[in-house]
């Protein structure tokens, strides 16, 4: 089961077609296949505790959109607060 799940998310490619012209094929490094039945479930697992992982700022969630905002006394304070919230809430593998 785990091998199937990994293969579902790994080694995917995409391209775009505009007015009959195709772009180059590129590797997809994140997300799930569009239109999949598993996609909404995985999104729910991902988003379920996202607000708990961002300790600073205010996080507004609606459907598949997210907005993070921070209130400060000046622009530098706001930028620093947002950067800190994003770096703490977004661990990299």
C-alpha atoms as a PDB file:
ATOM      1  CA  UNK A   1       0.000   0.000   0.000  1.00  0.00           C
ATOM      2  CA  UNK A   2       2.780   2.439   0.879  1.00  0.00           C
ATOM      3  CA  UNK A   3       4.589   1.790  -2.422  1.00  0.00           C
ATOM      4  CA  UNK A   4       1.393   2.575  -4.316  1.00  0.00           C
ATOM      5  CA  UNK A   5       0.923   5.813  -2.397  1.00  0.00           C
ATOM      6  CA  UNK A   6       4.505   6.924  -3.026  1.00  0.00           C
ATOM      7  CA  UNK A   7       4.195   6.129  -6.735  1.00  0.00           C
ATOM      8  CA  UNK A   8       0.946   8.154  -6.818  1.00  0.00           C
ATOM      9  CA  UNK A   9       2.795  11.301  -5.712  1.00  0.00           C
ATOM     10  CA  UNK A  10       6.255  10.708  -7.231  1.00  0.00           C
ATOM     11  CA  UNK A  11       7.722  11.185 -10.719  1.00  0.00           C
ATOM     12  CA  UNK A  12       4.815  13.192 -12.128  1.00  0.00           C
ATOM     13  CA  UNK A  13       5.170  15.581 -15.077  1.00  0.00           C
ATOM     14  CA  UNK A  14       3.062  18.341 -16.532  1.00  0.00           C
ATOM     15  CA  UNK A  15       2.906  20.683 -19.498  1.00  0.00           C
ATOM     16  CA  UNK A  16       0.592  23.375 -20.814  1.00  0.00           C
ATOM     17  CA  UNK A  17      -1.005  23.888 -24.211  1.00  0.00           C
ATOM     18  CA  UNK A  18      -1.941  27.415 -25.305  1.00  0.00           C
ATOM     19  CA  UNK A  19      -3.325  28.104 -28.783  1.00  0.00           C
ATOM     20  CA  UNK A  20      -2.044  24.739 -29.963  1.00  0.00           C
ATOM     21  CA  UNK A  21       1.517  25.326 -28.720  1.00  0.00           C
ATOM     22  CA  UNK A  22       2.855  23.000 -26.012  1.00  0.00           C
ATOM     23  CA  UNK A  23       5.335  23.939 -23.315  1.00  0.00           C
ATOM     24  CA  UNK A  24       8.206  21.718 -22.318  1.00  0.00           C
ATOM     25  CA  UNK A  25       7.418  18.909 -19.896  1.00  0.00           C
ATOM     26  CA  UNK A  26       8.452  19.709 -16.319  1.00  0.00           C
ATOM     27  CA  UNK A  27       8.593  17.553 -13.193  1.00  0.00           C
ATOM     28  CA  UNK A  28       5.922  18.229 -10.574  1.00  0.00           C
ATOM     29  CA  UNK A  29       7.529  18.380  -7.119  1.00  0.00           C
ATOM     30  CA  UNK A  30       4.476  19.032  -4.935  1.00  0.00           C
ATOM     31  CA  UNK A  31       0.739  18.652  -4.818  1.00  0.00           C
ATOM     32  CA  UNK A  32      -1.544  15.858  -5.969  1.00  0.00           C
ATOM     33  CA  UNK A  33      -2.962  15.110  -9.419  1.00  0.00           C
ATOM     34  CA  UNK A  34      -5.782  17.503 -10.309  1.00  0.00           C
ATOM     35  CA  UNK A  35      -9.216  15.947 -10.458  1.00  0.00           C
ATOM     36  CA  UNK A  36      -8.202  12.996  -8.321  1.00  0.00           C
ATOM     37  CA  UNK A  37     -10.505  11.501  -5.733  1.00  0.00           C
ATOM     38  CA  UNK A  38      -7.657  11.268  -3.239  1.00  0.00           C
ATOM     39  CA  UNK A  39      -6.652  14.942  -3.623  1.00  0.00           C
ATOM     40  CA  UNK A  40      -9.361  16.516  -1.413  1.00  0.00           C
ATOM     41  CA  UNK A  41      -8.724  13.966   1.344  1.00  0.00           C
ATOM     42  CA  UNK A  42      -4.973  14.625   1.321  1.00  0.00           C
ATOM     43  CA  UNK A  43      -5.635  18.366   1.323  1.00  0.00           C
ATOM     44  CA  UNK A  44      -7.820  17.971   4.407  1.00  0.00           C
ATOM     45  CA  UNK A  45      -5.064  16.069   6.213  1.00  0.00           C
ATOM     46  CA  UNK A  46      -2.544  18.752   5.270  1.00  0.00           C
ATOM     47  CA  UNK A  47      -4.670  21.753   6.224  1.00  0.00           C
ATOM     48  CA  UNK A  48      -6.255  20.252   9.356  1.00  0.00           C
ATOM     49  CA  UNK A  49      -3.605  21.462  11.824  1.00  0.00           C
ATOM     50  CA  UNK A  50      -1.924  24.140   9.715  1.00  0.00           C
ATOM     51  CA  UNK A  51      -3.171  26.938  11.977  1.00  0.00           C
ATOM     52  CA  UNK A  52      -1.557  25.205  14.976  1.00  0.00           C
ATOM     53  CA  UNK A  53       1.823  25.135  13.222  1.00  0.00           C
ATOM     54  CA  UNK A  54       1.947  28.914  12.658  1.00  0.00           C
ATOM     55  CA  UNK A  55       2.319  30.482  16.115  1.00  0.00           C
ATOM     56  CA  UNK A  56       2.512  34.148  15.061  1.00  0.00           C
ATOM     57  CA  UNK A  57       0.138  36.198  12.949  1.00  0.00           C
ATOM     58  CA  UNK A  58      -3.432  35.512  11.971  1.00  0.00           C
ATOM     59  CA  UNK A  59      -4.305  32.737   9.559  1.00  0.00           C
ATOM     60  CA  UNK A  60      -7.574  32.838   7.635  1.00  0.00           C
ATOM     61  CA  UNK A  61      -8.631  29.683   5.807  1.00  0.00           C
ATOM     62  CA  UNK A  62     -11.459  29.291   3.337  1.00  0.00           C
ATOM     63  CA  UNK A  63     -11.834  26.282   1.027  1.00  0.00           C
ATOM     64  CA  UNK A  64      -8.412  25.940  -0.594  1.00  0.00           C
ATOM     65  CA  UNK A  65      -7.252  29.505   0.075  1.00  0.00           C
ATOM     66  CA  UNK A  66      -5.124  30.760   2.945  1.00  0.00           C
ATOM     67  CA  UNK A  67      -4.150  34.257   4.026  1.00  0.00           C
ATOM     68  CA  UNK A  68      -1.598  35.040   6.724  1.00  0.00           C
ATOM     69  CA  UNK A  69      -1.610  38.556   8.120  1.00  0.00           C
ATOM     70  CA  UNK A  70       0.319  40.251  10.864  1.00  0.00           C
ATOM     71  CA  UNK A  71      -0.245  43.577  12.635  1.00  0.00           C
ATOM     72  CA  UNK A  72       2.723  45.709  13.621  1.00  0.00           C
ATOM     73  CA  UNK A  73       3.754  49.284  14.353  1.00  0.00           C
ATOM     74  CA  UNK A  74       5.639  49.716  11.077  1.00  0.00           C
ATOM     75  CA  UNK A  75       6.357  47.907   7.815  1.00  0.00           C
ATOM     76  CA  UNK A  76       9.625  46.377   9.052  1.00  0.00           C
ATOM     77  CA  UNK A  77       7.902  44.880  12.096  1.00  0.00           C
ATOM     78  CA  UNK A  78       5.166  43.400   9.911  1.00  0.00           C
ATOM     79  CA  UNK A  79       7.652  41.912   7.429  1.00  0.00           C
ATOM     80  CA  UNK A  80       9.762  40.458  10.253  1.00  0.00           C
ATOM     81  CA  UNK A  81       6.683  38.985  11.941  1.00  0.00           C
ATOM     82  CA  UNK A  82       5.412  37.392   8.726  1.00  0.00           C
ATOM     83  CA  UNK A  83       8.833  35.993   7.868  1.00  0.00           C
ATOM     84  CA  UNK A  84       9.178  34.513  11.344  1.00  0.00           C
ATOM     85  CA  UNK A  85       5.701  32.969  11.186  1.00  0.00           C
ATOM     86  CA  UNK A  86       6.411  31.433   7.795  1.00  0.00           C
ATOM     87  CA  UNK A  87       9.824  30.091   8.724  1.00  0.00           C
ATOM     88  CA  UNK A  88       8.544  28.527  11.965  1.00  0.00           C
ATOM     89  CA  UNK A  89       5.399  27.126  10.378  1.00  0.00           C
ATOM     90  CA  UNK A  90       7.028  25.735   7.261  1.00  0.00           C
ATOM     91  CA  UNK A  91       9.599  23.095   8.162  1.00  0.00           C
ATOM     92  CA  UNK A  92      11.595  21.788   5.224  1.00  0.00           C
ATOM     93  CA  UNK A  93      12.423  18.101   4.855  1.00  0.00           C
END
